[in-house]
PDB file of N, CA and C in Angstrom:
ATOM      1  N   MET A   1      95.493 112.717 126.767  1.00  0.00           N
ATOM      2  CA  MET A   1      96.762 112.012 126.794  1.00  0.00           C
ATOM      3  C   MET A   1      97.347 111.859 125.390  1.00  0.00           C
ATOM      4  N   ALA A   2      96.467 111.724 124.410  1.00  0.00           N
ATOM      5  CA  ALA A   2      96.963 111.570 123.038  1.00  0.00           C
ATOM      6  C   ALA A   2      97.704 112.822 122.581  1.00  0.00           C
ATOM      7  N   GLN A   3      97.249 113.985 123.061  1.00  0.00           N
ATOM      8  CA  GLN A   3      97.924 115.233 122.698  1.00  0.00           C
ATOM      9  C   GLN A   3      99.309 115.310 123.321  1.00  0.00           C
ATOM     10  N   LYS A   4      99.511 114.678 124.453  1.00  0.00           N
ATOM     11  CA  LYS A   4     100.831 114.639 125.083  1.00  0.00           C
ATOM     12  C   LYS A   4     101.698 113.546 124.475  1.00  0.00           C
ATOM     13  N   GLU A   5     101.055 112.474 124.049  1.00  0.00           N
ATOM     14  CA  GLU A   5     101.800 111.333 123.526  1.00  0.00           C
ATOM     15  C   GLU A   5     102.445 111.634 122.175  1.00  0.00           C
ATOM     16  N   MET A   6     101.747 112.342 121.331  1.00  0.00           N
ATOM     17  CA  MET A   6     102.267 112.631 119.984  1.00  0.00           C
ATOM     18  C   MET A   6     103.554 113.465 120.015  1.00  0.00           C
ATOM     19  N   PRO A   7     103.616 114.569 120.756  1.00  0.00           N
ATOM     20  CA  PRO A   7     104.888 115.307 120.813  1.00  0.00           C
ATOM     21  C   PRO A   7     106.019 114.477 121.435  1.00  0.00           C
ATOM     22  N   ALA A   8     105.692 113.625 122.412  1.00  0.00           N
ATOM     23  CA  ALA A   8     106.721 112.773 123.019  1.00  0.00           C
ATOM     24  C   ALA A   8     107.249 111.774 121.999  1.00  0.00           C
ATOM     25  N   TYR A   9     106.356 111.214 121.178  1.00  0.00           N
ATOM     26  CA  TYR A   9     106.763 110.291 120.128  1.00  0.00           C
ATOM     27  C   TYR A   9     107.664 110.987 119.110  1.00  0.00           C
ATOM     28  N   LEU A  10     107.270 112.191 118.694  1.00  0.00           N
ATOM     29  CA  LEU A  10     108.068 112.944 117.720  1.00  0.00           C
ATOM     30  C   LEU A  10     109.433 113.329 118.292  1.00  0.00           C
ATOM     31  N   LEU A  11     109.467 113.680 119.561  1.00  0.00           N
ATOM     32  CA  LEU A  11     110.730 114.015 120.215  1.00  0.00           C
ATOM     33  C   LEU A  11     111.659 112.794 120.244  1.00  0.00           C
ATOM     34  N   ALA A  12     111.112 111.645 120.632  1.00  0.00           N
ATOM     35  CA  ALA A  12     111.913 110.420 120.670  1.00  0.00           C
ATOM     36  C   ALA A  12     112.422 110.055 119.277  1.00  0.00           C
ATOM     37  N   HIS A  13     111.556 110.187 118.276  1.00  0.00           N
ATOM     38  CA  HIS A  13     111.950 109.889 116.898  1.00  0.00           C
ATOM     39  C   HIS A  13     113.093 110.796 116.453  1.00  0.00           C
ATOM     40  N   ASN A  14     112.973 112.082 116.741  1.00  0.00           N
ATOM     41  CA  ASN A  14     114.012 113.034 116.351  1.00  0.00           C
ATOM     42  C   ASN A  14     115.317 112.792 117.101  1.00  0.00           C
ATOM     43  N   LEU A  15     115.237 112.389 118.355  1.00  0.00           N
ATOM     44  CA  LEU A  15     116.457 112.077 119.105  1.00  0.00           C
ATOM     45  C   LEU A  15     117.177 110.871 118.518  1.00  0.00           C
ATOM     46  N   VAL A  16     116.417 109.863 118.119  1.00  0.00           N
ATOM     47  CA  VAL A  16     117.032 108.689 117.474  1.00  0.00           C
ATOM     48  C   VAL A  16     117.678 109.110 116.160  1.00  0.00           C
ATOM     49  N   ARG A  17     116.993 109.941 115.391  1.00  0.00           N
ATOM     50  CA  ARG A  17     117.561 110.425 114.122  1.00  0.00           C
ATOM     51  C   ARG A  17     118.825 111.258 114.355  1.00  0.00           C
ATOM     52  N   CYS A  18     118.877 112.013 115.439  1.00  0.00           N
ATOM     53  CA  CYS A  18     120.075 112.790 115.756  1.00  0.00           C
ATOM     54  C   CYS A  18     121.256 111.883 116.079  1.00  0.00           C
ATOM     55  N   VAL A  19     120.990 110.809 116.801  1.00  0.00           N
ATOM     56  CA  VAL A  19     122.059 109.841 117.098  1.00  0.00           C
ATOM     57  C   VAL A  19     122.552 109.217 115.792  1.00  0.00           C
ATOM     58  N   MET A  20     121.624 108.868 114.924  1.00  0.00           N
ATOM     59  CA  MET A  20     122.014 108.315 113.628  1.00  0.00           C
ATOM     60  C   MET A  20     122.852 109.321 112.842  1.00  0.00           C
ATOM     61  N   ALA A  21     122.439 110.585 112.854  1.00  0.00           N
ATOM     62  CA  ALA A  21     123.160 111.628 112.113  1.00  0.00           C
ATOM     63  C   ALA A  21     124.567 111.815 112.661  1.00  0.00           C
ATOM     64  N   GLU A  22     124.729 111.722 113.975  1.00  0.00           N
ATOM     65  CA  GLU A  22     126.066 111.865 114.543  1.00  0.00           C
ATOM     66  C   GLU A  22     126.973 110.705 114.129  1.00  0.00           C
ATOM     67  N   ALA A  23     126.415 109.504 114.114  1.00  0.00           N
ATOM     68  CA  ALA A  23     127.198 108.344 113.660  1.00  0.00           C
ATOM     69  C   ALA A  23     127.558 108.481 112.182  1.00  0.00           C
ATOM     70  N   LEU A  24     126.610 108.983 111.395  1.00  0.00           N
ATOM     71  CA  LEU A  24     126.868 109.182 109.961  1.00  0.00           C
ATOM     72  C   LEU A  24     127.972 110.196 109.734  1.00  0.00           C
ATOM     73  N   ALA A  25     127.921 111.277 110.472  1.00  0.00           N
ATOM     74  CA  ALA A  25     128.918 112.338 110.292  1.00  0.00           C
ATOM     75  C   ALA A  25     130.300 111.888 110.744  1.00  0.00           C
ATOM     76  N   ARG A  26     130.354 111.155 111.825  1.00  0.00           N
ATOM     77  CA  ARG A  26     131.650 110.750 112.355  1.00  0.00           C
ATOM     78  C   ARG A  26     132.317 109.677 111.509  1.00  0.00           C
ATOM     79  N   TYR A  27     131.548 108.747 110.972  1.00  0.00           N
ATOM     80  CA  TYR A  27     132.135 107.611 110.258  1.00  0.00           C
ATOM     81  C   TYR A  27     131.837 107.605 108.765  1.00  0.00           C
ATOM     82  N   GLN A  28     131.294 108.683 108.220  1.00  0.00           N
ATOM     83  CA  GLN A  28     131.023 108.838 106.789  1.00  0.00           C
ATOM     84  C   GLN A  28     130.284 107.612 106.214  1.00  0.00           C
ATOM     85  N   VAL A  29     129.109 107.346 106.753  1.00  0.00           N
ATOM     86  CA  VAL A  29     128.265 106.246 106.297  1.00  0.00           C
ATOM     87  C   VAL A  29     127.023 106.849 105.660  1.00  0.00           C
ATOM     88  N   LYS A  30     126.460 106.180 104.662  1.00  0.00           N
ATOM     89  CA  LYS A  30     125.250 106.680 104.009  1.00  0.00           C
ATOM     90  C   LYS A  30     124.041 106.466 104.914  1.00  0.00           C
ATOM     91  N   LEU A  31     123.122 107.405 104.870  1.00  0.00           N
ATOM     92  CA  LEU A  31     121.936 107.377 105.719  1.00  0.00           C
ATOM     93  C   LEU A  31     121.095 106.124 105.504  1.00  0.00           C
ATOM     94  N   GLU A  32     120.903 105.719 104.262  1.00  0.00           N
ATOM     95  CA  GLU A  32     120.039 104.571 103.982  1.00  0.00           C
ATOM     96  C   GLU A  32     120.635 103.240 104.448  1.00  0.00           C
ATOM     97  N   ARG A  33     121.893 103.247 104.843  1.00  0.00           N
ATOM     98  CA  ARG A  33     122.538 102.014 105.301  1.00  0.00           C
ATOM     99  C   ARG A  33     122.425 101.813 106.811  1.00  0.00           C
ATOM    100  N   VAL A  34     122.017 102.840 107.556  1.00  0.00           N
ATOM    101  CA  VAL A  34     121.894 102.724 109.009  1.00  0.00           C
ATOM    102  C   VAL A  34     120.435 102.400 109.348  1.00  0.00           C
ATOM    103  N   SER A  35     120.249 101.391 110.162  1.00  0.00           N
ATOM    104  CA  SER A  35     118.918 100.926 110.515  1.00  0.00           C
ATOM    105  C   SER A  35     118.335 101.743 111.666  1.00  0.00           C
ATOM    106  N   PHE A  36     117.109 102.225 111.487  1.00  0.00           N
ATOM    107  CA  PHE A  36     116.431 102.961 112.552  1.00  0.00           C
ATOM    108  C   PHE A  36     116.144 102.024 113.720  1.00  0.00           C
ATOM    109  N   LYS A  37     115.605 100.857 113.423  1.00  0.00           N
ATOM    110  CA  LYS A  37     115.282  99.890 114.474  1.00  0.00           C
ATOM    111  C   LYS A  37     116.547  99.436 115.194  1.00  0.00           C
ATOM    112  N   GLY A  38     117.613  99.207 114.450  1.00  0.00           N
ATOM    113  CA  GLY A  38     118.878  98.838 115.074  1.00  0.00           C
ATOM    114  C   GLY A  38     119.409  99.921 115.992  1.00  0.00           C
ATOM    115  N   THR A  39     119.202 101.172 115.604  1.00  0.00           N
ATOM    116  CA  THR A  39     119.624 102.298 116.442  1.00  0.00           C
ATOM    117  C   THR A  39     118.824 102.340 117.728  1.00  0.00           C
ATOM    118  N   VAL A  40     117.523 102.103 117.638  1.00  0.00           N
ATOM    119  CA  VAL A  40     116.672 102.105 118.831  1.00  0.00           C
ATOM    120  C   VAL A  40     117.103 101.004 119.794  1.00  0.00           C
ATOM    121  N   VAL A  41     117.354  99.807 119.265  1.00  0.00           N
ATOM    122  CA  VAL A  41     117.778  98.679 120.102  1.00  0.00           C
ATOM    123  C   VAL A  41     119.117  98.984 120.768  1.00  0.00           C
ATOM    124  N   ALA A  42     120.072  99.499 119.994  1.00  0.00           N
ATOM    125  CA  ALA A  42     121.387  99.824 120.546  1.00  0.00           C
ATOM    126  C   ALA A  42     121.292 100.922 121.600  1.00  0.00           C
ATOM    127  N   LEU A  43     120.459 101.922 121.347  1.00  0.00           N
ATOM    128  CA  LEU A  43     120.285 103.001 122.330  1.00  0.00           C
ATOM    129  C   LEU A  43     119.731 102.466 123.645  1.00  0.00           C
ATOM    130  N   ARG A  44     118.775 101.568 123.565  1.00  0.00           N
ATOM    131  CA  ARG A  44     118.214 100.988 124.792  1.00  0.00           C
ATOM    132  C   ARG A  44     119.267 100.222 125.579  1.00  0.00           C
ATOM    133  N   GLN A  45     120.126  99.503 124.870  1.00  0.00           N
ATOM    134  CA  GLN A  45     121.174  98.738 125.550  1.00  0.00           C
ATOM    135  C   GLN A  45     122.212  99.662 126.177  1.00  0.00           C
ATOM    136  N   TYR A  46     122.620 100.661 125.438  1.00  0.00           N
ATOM    137  CA  TYR A  46     123.695 101.529 125.904  1.00  0.00           C
ATOM    138  C   TYR A  46     123.237 102.530 126.965  1.00  0.00           C
ATOM    139  N   THR A  47     121.969 102.946 126.953  1.00  0.00           N
ATOM    140  CA  THR A  47     121.534 103.921 127.952  1.00  0.00           C
ATOM    141  C   THR A  47     121.576 103.339 129.356  1.00  0.00           C
ATOM    142  N   ALA A  48     121.290 102.052 129.485  1.00  0.00           N
ATOM    143  CA  ALA A  48     121.379 101.425 130.810  1.00  0.00           C
ATOM    144  C   ALA A  48     122.823 101.445 131.299  1.00  0.00           C
ATOM    145  N   ALA A  49     123.747 101.121 130.411  1.00  0.00           N
ATOM    146  CA  ALA A  49     125.162 101.120 130.786  1.00  0.00           C
ATOM    147  C   ALA A  49     125.657 102.542 131.070  1.00  0.00           C
ATOM    148  N   MET A  50     125.207 103.503 130.272  1.00  0.00           N
ATOM    149  CA  MET A  50     125.627 104.890 130.493  1.00  0.00           C
ATOM    150  C   MET A  50     125.069 105.440 131.798  1.00  0.00           C
ATOM    151  N   GLY A  51     123.875 105.001 132.156  1.00  0.00           N
ATOM    152  CA  GLY A  51     123.286 105.446 133.412  1.00  0.00           C
ATOM    153  C   GLY A  51     124.037 104.929 134.625  1.00  0.00           C
ATOM    154  N   GLN A  52     124.686 103.777 134.485  1.00  0.00           N
ATOM    155  CA  GLN A  52     125.438 103.194 135.594  1.00  0.00           C
ATOM    156  C   GLN A  52     126.893 103.636 135.628  1.00  0.00           C
ATOM    157  N   ALA A  53     127.353 104.266 134.559  1.00  0.00           N
ATOM    158  CA  ALA A  53     128.742 104.732 134.510  1.00  0.00           C
ATOM    159  C   ALA A  53     128.937 105.860 135.513  1.00  0.00           C
ATOM    160  N   HIS A  54     130.023 105.781 136.275  1.00  0.00           N
ATOM    161  CA  HIS A  54     130.259 106.766 137.332  1.00  0.00           C
ATOM    162  C   HIS A  54     131.062 107.982 136.877  1.00  0.00           C
ATOM    163  N   SER A  55     131.814 107.827 135.814  1.00  0.00           N
ATOM    164  CA  SER A  55     132.651 108.949 135.384  1.00  0.00           C
ATOM    165  C   SER A  55     132.215 109.438 134.007  1.00  0.00           C
ATOM    166  N   ARG A  56     132.530 110.682 133.761  1.00  0.00           N
ATOM    167  CA  ARG A  56     132.230 111.296 132.469  1.00  0.00           C
ATOM    168  C   ARG A  56     133.039 110.613 131.358  1.00  0.00           C
ATOM    169  N   LYS A  57     134.258 110.219 131.696  1.00  0.00           N
ATOM    170  CA  LYS A  57     135.129 109.551 130.723  1.00  0.00           C
ATOM    171  C   LYS A  57     134.518 108.221 130.283  1.00  0.00           C
ATOM    172  N   LYS A  58     133.964 107.464 131.224  1.00  0.00           N
ATOM    173  CA  LYS A  58     133.352 106.165 130.903  1.00  0.00           C
ATOM    174  C   LYS A  58     132.100 106.356 130.048  1.00  0.00           C
ATOM    175  N   ARG A  59     131.277 107.379 130.364  1.00  0.00           N
ATOM    176  CA  ARG A  59     130.091 107.660 129.556  1.00  0.00           C
ATOM    177  C   ARG A  59     130.474 108.064 128.138  1.00  0.00           C
ATOM    178  N   ARG A  60     131.537 108.854 128.009  1.00  0.00           N
ATOM    179  CA  ARG A  60     132.010 109.269 126.681  1.00  0.00           C
ATOM    180  C   ARG A  60     132.511 108.066 125.883  1.00  0.00           C
ATOM    181  N   GLN A  61     133.192 107.169 126.564  1.00  0.00           N
ATOM    182  CA  GLN A  61     133.686 105.957 125.907  1.00  0.00           C
ATOM    183  C   GLN A  61     132.509 105.084 125.433  1.00  0.00           C
ATOM    184  N   LEU A  62     131.477 104.951 126.252  1.00  0.00           N
ATOM    185  CA  LEU A  62     130.300 104.183 125.855  1.00  0.00           C
ATOM    186  C   LEU A  62     129.585 104.841 124.678  1.00  0.00           C
ATOM    187  N   TRP A  63     129.515 106.175 124.688  1.00  0.00           N
ATOM    188  CA  TRP A  63     128.896 106.901 123.580  1.00  0.00           C
ATOM    189  C   TRP A  63     129.657 106.666 122.277  1.00  0.00           C
ATOM    190  N   ASP A  64     130.982 106.732 122.349  1.00  0.00           N
ATOM    191  CA  ASP A  64     131.799 106.480 121.162  1.00  0.00           C
ATOM    192  C   ASP A  64     131.625 105.048 120.668  1.00  0.00           C
ATOM    193  N   ASN A  65     131.533 104.093 121.599  1.00  0.00           N
ATOM    194  CA  ASN A  65     131.297 102.702 121.218  1.00  0.00           C
ATOM    195  C   ASN A  65     129.938 102.533 120.535  1.00  0.00           C
ATOM    196  N   LEU A  66     128.931 103.237 121.051  1.00  0.00           N
ATOM    197  CA  LEU A  66     127.602 103.181 120.440  1.00  0.00           C
ATOM    198  C   LEU A  66     127.640 103.690 119.006  1.00  0.00           C
ATOM    199  N   LEU A  67     128.259 104.834 118.783  1.00  0.00           N
ATOM    200  CA  LEU A  67     128.335 105.390 117.429  1.00  0.00           C
ATOM    201  C   LEU A  67     129.115 104.476 116.494  1.00  0.00           C
ATOM    202  N   ARG A  68     130.190 103.894 116.998  1.00  0.00           N
ATOM    203  CA  ARG A  68     130.982 102.960 116.191  1.00  0.00           C
ATOM    204  C   ARG A  68     130.146 101.736 115.817  1.00  0.00           C
ATOM    205  N   LYS A  69     129.374 101.239 116.787  1.00  0.00           N
ATOM    206  CA  LYS A  69     128.522 100.071 116.521  1.00  0.00           C
ATOM    207  C   LYS A  69     127.477 100.391 115.458  1.00  0.00           C
ATOM    208  N   LEU A  70     126.869 101.573 115.531  1.00  0.00           N
ATOM    209  CA  LEU A  70     125.871 101.965 114.536  1.00  0.00           C
ATOM    210  C   LEU A  70     126.482 102.074 113.147  1.00  0.00           C
ATOM    211  N   ALA A  71     127.707 102.571 113.075  1.00  0.00           N
ATOM    212  CA  ALA A  71     128.372 102.738 111.777  1.00  0.00           C
ATOM    213  C   ALA A  71     128.816 101.402 111.199  1.00  0.00           C
ATOM    214  N   ARG A  72     129.063 100.419 112.042  1.00  0.00           N
ATOM    215  CA  ARG A  72     129.512  99.107 111.545  1.00  0.00           C
ATOM    216  C   ARG A  72     128.358  98.167 111.234  1.00  0.00           C
ATOM    217  N   ASP A  73     127.275  98.276 111.973  1.00  0.00           N
ATOM    218  CA  ASP A  73     126.128  97.385 111.795  1.00  0.00           C
ATOM    219  C   ASP A  73     125.191  97.981 110.755  1.00  0.00           C
ATOM    220  N   LEU A  74     125.533  97.797 109.488  1.00  0.00           N
ATOM    221  CA  LEU A  74     124.805  98.439 108.396  1.00  0.00           C
ATOM    222  C   LEU A  74     123.805  97.489 107.753  1.00  0.00           C
ATOM    223  N   VAL A  75     122.781  98.084 107.192  1.00  0.00           N
ATOM    224  CA  VAL A  75     121.799  97.328 106.422  1.00  0.00           C
ATOM    225  C   VAL A  75     122.463  96.973 105.098  1.00  0.00           C
ATOM    226  N   PRO A  76     122.315  95.725 104.628  1.00  0.00           N
ATOM    227  CA  PRO A  76     122.962  95.356 103.362  1.00  0.00           C
ATOM    228  C   PRO A  76     122.379  96.114 102.172  1.00  0.00           C
ATOM    229  N   VAL A  77     123.202  96.293 101.160  1.00  0.00           N
ATOM    230  CA  VAL A  77     122.752  96.941  99.926  1.00  0.00           C
ATOM    231  C   VAL A  77     121.916  95.928  99.160  1.00  0.00           C
ATOM    232  N   ARG A  78     120.683  96.316  98.819  1.00  0.00           N
ATOM    233  CA  ARG A  78     119.796  95.416  98.087  1.00  0.00           C
ATOM    234  C   ARG A  78     119.245  96.168  96.880  1.00  0.00           C
ATOM    235  N   PRO A  79     120.010  96.221  95.788  1.00  0.00           N
ATOM    236  CA  PRO A  79     119.559  96.984  94.619  1.00  0.00           C
ATOM    237  C   PRO A  79     118.330  96.345  93.972  1.00  0.00           C
ATOM    238  N   GLY A  80     117.454  97.188  93.495  1.00  0.00           N
ATOM    239  CA  GLY A  80     116.272  96.709  92.794  1.00  0.00           C
ATOM    240  C   GLY A  80     115.233  96.075  93.710  1.00  0.00           C
ATOM    241  N   ARG A  81     115.393  96.203  95.012  1.00  0.00           N
ATOM    242  CA  ARG A  81     114.434  95.598  95.937  1.00  0.00           C
ATOM    243  C   ARG A  81     113.153  96.413  95.934  1.00  0.00           C
ATOM    244  N   ARG A  82     112.058  95.720  95.769  1.00  0.00           N
ATOM    245  CA  ARG A  82     110.755  96.363  95.745  1.00  0.00           C
ATOM    246  C   ARG A  82     109.791  95.511  96.532  1.00  0.00           C
ATOM    247  N   GLU A  83     109.069  96.094  97.423  1.00  0.00           N
ATOM    248  CA  GLU A  83     108.096  95.350  98.212  1.00  0.00           C
ATOM    249  C   GLU A  83     106.736  96.023  98.110  1.00  0.00           C
ATOM    250  N   PRO A  84     105.992  95.675  97.070  1.00  0.00           N
ATOM    251  CA  PRO A  84     104.663  96.278  96.947  1.00  0.00           C
ATOM    252  C   PRO A  84     103.737  95.736  98.032  1.00  0.00           C
ATOM    253  N   ARG A  85     102.843  96.580  98.490  1.00  0.00           N
ATOM    254  CA  ARG A  85     101.888  96.140  99.514  1.00  0.00           C
ATOM    255  C   ARG A  85     100.695  95.494  98.809  1.00  0.00           C
ATOM    256  N   ALA A  86     100.567  94.191  98.985  1.00  0.00           N
ATOM    257  CA  ALA A  86      99.463  93.460  98.383  1.00  0.00           C
ATOM    258  C   ALA A  86      99.218  92.194  99.186  1.00  0.00           C
ATOM    259  N   ILE A  87      98.022  91.716  99.104  1.00  0.00           N
ATOM    260  CA  ILE A  87      97.669  90.466  99.757  1.00  0.00           C
ATOM    261  C   ILE A  87      97.737  89.372  98.710  1.00  0.00           C
ATOM    262  N   LYS A  88      98.441  88.290  99.018  1.00  0.00           N
ATOM    263  CA  LYS A  88      98.589  87.216  98.049  1.00  0.00           C
ATOM    264  C   LYS A  88      97.257  86.545  97.752  1.00  0.00           C
ATOM    265  N   ARG A  89      96.564  86.141  98.784  1.00  0.00           N
ATOM    266  CA  ARG A  89      95.276  85.501  98.572  1.00  0.00           C
ATOM    267  C   ARG A  89      94.385  85.772  99.768  1.00  0.00           C
ATOM    268  N   ARG A  90      93.120  85.682  99.522  1.00  0.00           N
ATOM    269  CA  ARG A  90      92.148  85.910 100.588  1.00  0.00           C
ATOM    270  C   ARG A  90      92.068  84.654 101.441  1.00  0.00           C
ATOM    271  N   ARG A  91      92.123  84.809 102.752  1.00  0.00           N
ATOM    272  CA  ARG A  91      92.122  83.652 103.646  1.00  0.00           C
ATOM    273  C   ARG A  91      90.749  83.020 103.792  1.00  0.00           C
ATOM    274  N   LYS A  92      89.719  83.794 103.635  1.00  0.00           N
ATOM    275  CA  LYS A  92      88.367  83.271 103.808  1.00  0.00           C
ATOM    276  C   LYS A  92      87.721  83.072 102.445  1.00  0.00           C
ATOM    277  N   HIS A  93      86.824  82.127 102.381  1.00  0.00           N
ATOM    278  CA  HIS A  93      86.182  81.815 101.108  1.00  0.00           C
ATOM    279  C   HIS A  93      84.872  82.557 100.923  1.00  0.00           C
ATOM    280  N   PHE A  94      84.666  83.603 101.678  1.00  0.00           N
ATOM    281  CA  PHE A  94      83.462  84.407 101.552  1.00  0.00           C
ATOM    282  C   PHE A  94      83.753  85.583 100.630  1.00  0.00           C
ATOM    283  N   PRO A  95      82.735  86.049  99.922  1.00  0.00           N
ATOM    284  CA  PRO A  95      82.971  87.204  99.044  1.00  0.00           C
ATOM    285  C   PRO A  95      83.197  88.473  99.864  1.00  0.00           C
ATOM    286  N   LEU A  96      83.827  89.437  99.246  1.00  0.00           N
ATOM    287  CA  LEU A  96      84.034  90.724  99.904  1.00  0.00           C
ATOM    288  C   LEU A  96      82.709  91.462 100.015  1.00  0.00           C
ATOM    289  N   LEU A  97      82.530  92.185 101.096  1.00  0.00           N
ATOM    290  CA  LEU A  97      81.328  92.989 101.295  1.00  0.00           C
ATOM    291  C   LEU A  97      81.528  94.298 100.538  1.00  0.00           C
ATOM    292  N   THR A  98      81.054  94.335  99.317  1.00  0.00           N
ATOM    293  CA  THR A  98      81.301  95.481  98.439  1.00  0.00           C
ATOM    294  C   THR A  98      80.115  96.428  98.346  1.00  0.00           C
ATOM    295  N   ARG A  99      78.986  96.062  98.953  1.00  0.00           N
ATOM    296  CA  ARG A  99      77.797  96.896  98.984  1.00  0.00           C
ATOM    297  C   ARG A  99      77.320  97.017 100.425  1.00  0.00           C
ATOM    298  N   PRO A 100      76.467  97.964 100.734  1.00  0.00           N
ATOM    299  CA  PRO A 100      75.938  98.062 102.103  1.00  0.00           C
ATOM    300  C   PRO A 100      75.270  96.753 102.530  1.00  0.00           C
ATOM    301  N   ARG A 101      75.275  96.498 103.823  1.00  0.00           N
ATOM    302  CA  ARG A 101      74.749  95.223 104.341  1.00  0.00           C
ATOM    303  C   ARG A 101      73.281  94.998 103.986  1.00  0.00           C
ATOM    304  N   HIS A 102      72.474  96.034 104.011  1.00  0.00           N
ATOM    305  CA  HIS A 102      71.048  95.838 103.737  1.00  0.00           C
ATOM    306  C   HIS A 102      70.772  95.544 102.260  1.00  0.00           C
ATOM    307  N   ILE A 103      71.753  95.815 101.398  1.00  0.00           N
ATOM    308  CA  ILE A 103      71.594  95.522  99.971  1.00  0.00           C
ATOM    309  C   ILE A 103      72.277  94.207  99.607  1.00  0.00           C
ATOM    310  N   PHE A 104      73.294  93.851 100.348  1.00  0.00           N
ATOM    311  CA  PHE A 104      74.097  92.659 100.034  1.00  0.00           C
ATOM    312  C   PHE A 104      73.241  91.399 100.159  1.00  0.00           C
ATOM    313  N   GLU A 105      73.369  90.475  99.212  1.00  0.00           N
ATOM    314  CA  GLU A 105      72.609  89.233  99.238  1.00  0.00           C
ATOM    315  C   GLU A 105      73.468  88.110  99.780  1.00  0.00           C
ATOM    316  N   ASP A 106      72.867  87.269 100.608  1.00  0.00           N
ATOM    317  CA  ASP A 106      73.557  86.068 101.054  1.00  0.00           C
ATOM    318  C   ASP A 106      73.536  85.050  99.938  1.00  0.00           C
ATOM    319  N   ARG A 107      74.621  84.325  99.784  1.00  0.00           N
ATOM    320  CA  ARG A 107      74.693  83.252  98.802  1.00  0.00           C
ATOM    321  C   ARG A 107      74.830  81.951  99.562  1.00  0.00           C
ATOM    322  N   LEU A 108      74.126  80.973  99.115  1.00  0.00           N
ATOM    323  CA  LEU A 108      74.233  79.665  99.763  1.00  0.00           C
ATOM    324  C   LEU A 108      75.464  78.919  99.296  1.00  0.00           C
ATOM    325  N   THR A 109      75.828  79.098  98.068  1.00  0.00           N
ATOM    326  CA  THR A 109      77.050  78.480  97.558  1.00  0.00           C
ATOM    327  C   THR A 109      78.054  79.575  97.295  1.00  0.00           C
ATOM    328  N   TRP A 110      79.263  79.331  97.697  1.00  0.00           N
ATOM    329  CA  TRP A 110      80.318  80.349  97.565  1.00  0.00           C
ATOM    330  C   TRP A 110      81.182  80.012  96.366  1.00  0.00           C
ATOM    331  N   ASP A 111      81.495  81.041  95.620  1.00  0.00           N
ATOM    332  CA  ASP A 111      82.413  80.865  94.474  1.00  0.00           C
ATOM    333  C   ASP A 111      83.826  80.726  95.004  1.00  0.00           C
ATOM    334  N   ARG A 112      84.528  79.744  94.543  1.00  0.00           N
ATOM    335  CA  ARG A 112      85.920  79.556  94.978  1.00  0.00           C
ATOM    336  C   ARG A 112      86.859  79.733  93.837  1.00  0.00           C
TER     337      ARG A 112
END
């Protein structure tokens, strides 16, 4: 199942990126300003409505509304933003297990 799941995931990812690219091309918006997660949420909302639309004209109108929404709902510009991956502090007061278990010594008092 994992072999089937991975291509399906990649296909879904590429389809979302294609929707983003169409919105970018139509409304001349920068790629880094359009949210991937926002696109996924909007697609989920609009696909239900598009599935219930009875005419091709109504589906086209919903599609245009979706692209317009993606182009307007932009991620704010945050210059100099940096988010390094680090842990602020260790939650437990036990030392890290840095050696194999059979070599590691138990301590009765813990350094804090």
